[in-house]
Protein backbone atom coordinates (compact mmCIF):
# COMPACT_ATOMS: atom_id res chain seq x y z
CA UNK A 1 13.04 -8.69 40.98
CA UNK A 2 15.26 -11.75 40.81
CA UNK A 3 13.43 -14.64 42.49
CA UNK A 4 14.57 -15.31 46.06
CA UNK A 5 16.52 -12.03 46.29
CA UNK A 6 15.95 -8.32 46.42
CA UNK A 7 17.93 -7.69 43.23
CA UNK A 8 16.04 -5.26 41.02
CA UNK A 9 16.07 -5.72 37.25
CA UNK A 10 14.03 -4.14 34.49
CA UNK A 11 12.49 -6.44 31.91
CA UNK A 12 11.69 -4.58 28.70
CA UNK A 13 9.46 -7.42 27.43
CA UNK A 14 11.58 -7.57 24.28
CA UNK A 15 10.32 -10.55 22.24
CA UNK A 16 13.84 -11.17 20.94
CA UNK A 17 15.55 -10.50 24.28
CA UNK A 18 16.65 -12.95 26.91
CA UNK A 19 13.95 -14.59 28.96
CA UNK A 20 15.28 -14.89 32.50
CA UNK A 21 13.08 -17.39 34.32
CA UNK A 22 14.47 -16.13 37.65
CA UNK A 23 12.71 -12.79 37.23
CA UNK A 24 9.54 -12.29 39.22
CA UNK A 25 7.11 -9.47 38.46
CA UNK A 26 6.50 -7.21 41.43
CA UNK A 27 4.26 -4.21 42.02
CA UNK A 28 5.58 -0.68 41.64
CA UNK A 29 5.02 -0.24 45.39
CA UNK A 30 7.36 -3.17 46.11
CA UNK A 31 9.87 -1.91 43.54
CA UNK A 32 10.06 1.56 45.10
CA UNK A 33 10.16 0.16 48.64
CA UNK A 34 13.35 -1.77 47.77
CA UNK A 35 14.67 1.16 45.70
CA UNK A 36 14.18 3.63 48.56
CA UNK A 37 15.32 1.26 51.33
CA UNK A 38 18.64 0.80 49.51
CA UNK A 39 19.15 4.49 48.74
CA UNK A 40 19.39 3.84 45.01
CA UNK A 41 19.43 6.14 42.00
CA UNK A 42 18.62 5.17 38.43
CA UNK A 43 21.42 5.87 35.93
CA UNK A 44 20.44 5.69 32.27
CA UNK A 45 21.41 6.70 28.75
CA UNK A 46 18.65 7.96 26.45
CA UNK A 47 20.57 7.73 23.17
CA UNK A 48 23.75 6.11 21.92
CA UNK A 49 26.50 8.21 20.36
CA UNK A 50 25.08 7.52 16.92
CA UNK A 51 21.61 8.77 17.98
CA UNK A 52 19.83 5.44 18.43
CA UNK A 53 17.60 4.80 21.43
CA UNK A 54 19.60 3.19 24.22
CA UNK A 55 18.41 0.75 26.86
CA UNK A 56 21.53 1.14 29.00
CA UNK A 57 20.59 1.55 32.63
CA UNK A 58 21.73 0.52 36.08
CA UNK A 59 20.94 1.13 39.69
CA UNK A 60 23.65 2.85 41.73
CA UNK A 61 23.89 3.92 45.34
CA UNK A 62 22.95 7.57 45.66
CA UNK A 63 25.85 9.90 44.97
CA UNK A 64 28.33 7.23 43.78
CA UNK A 65 28.12 7.68 39.99
CA UNK A 66 27.01 10.46 37.70
CA UNK A 67 26.14 10.54 34.04
CA UNK A 68 29.10 11.68 31.97
CA UNK A 69 28.64 13.49 28.72
C-alpha cells in the first residue's frame, strides 16, 4: 500500500526494479479488506504476445474492464 493512502500496489521484489520508498508492506488481511471494500477486481496478463511472462496487472472496479484476447 502506498504510505498515507489506501492505494494498493504490488511489489514484485525485483532486485533491478524500482524501489518506491512510499510503499508500505501490509498483511494479506489488510490487502483484501481494502480490495473488497472498494469492489475491485484484479486484471492481469500471464504472457506477452511473444510468449514471455508478463507482469502487467491493474486493479479495476468490478465489471468496468475485461481481459481482451
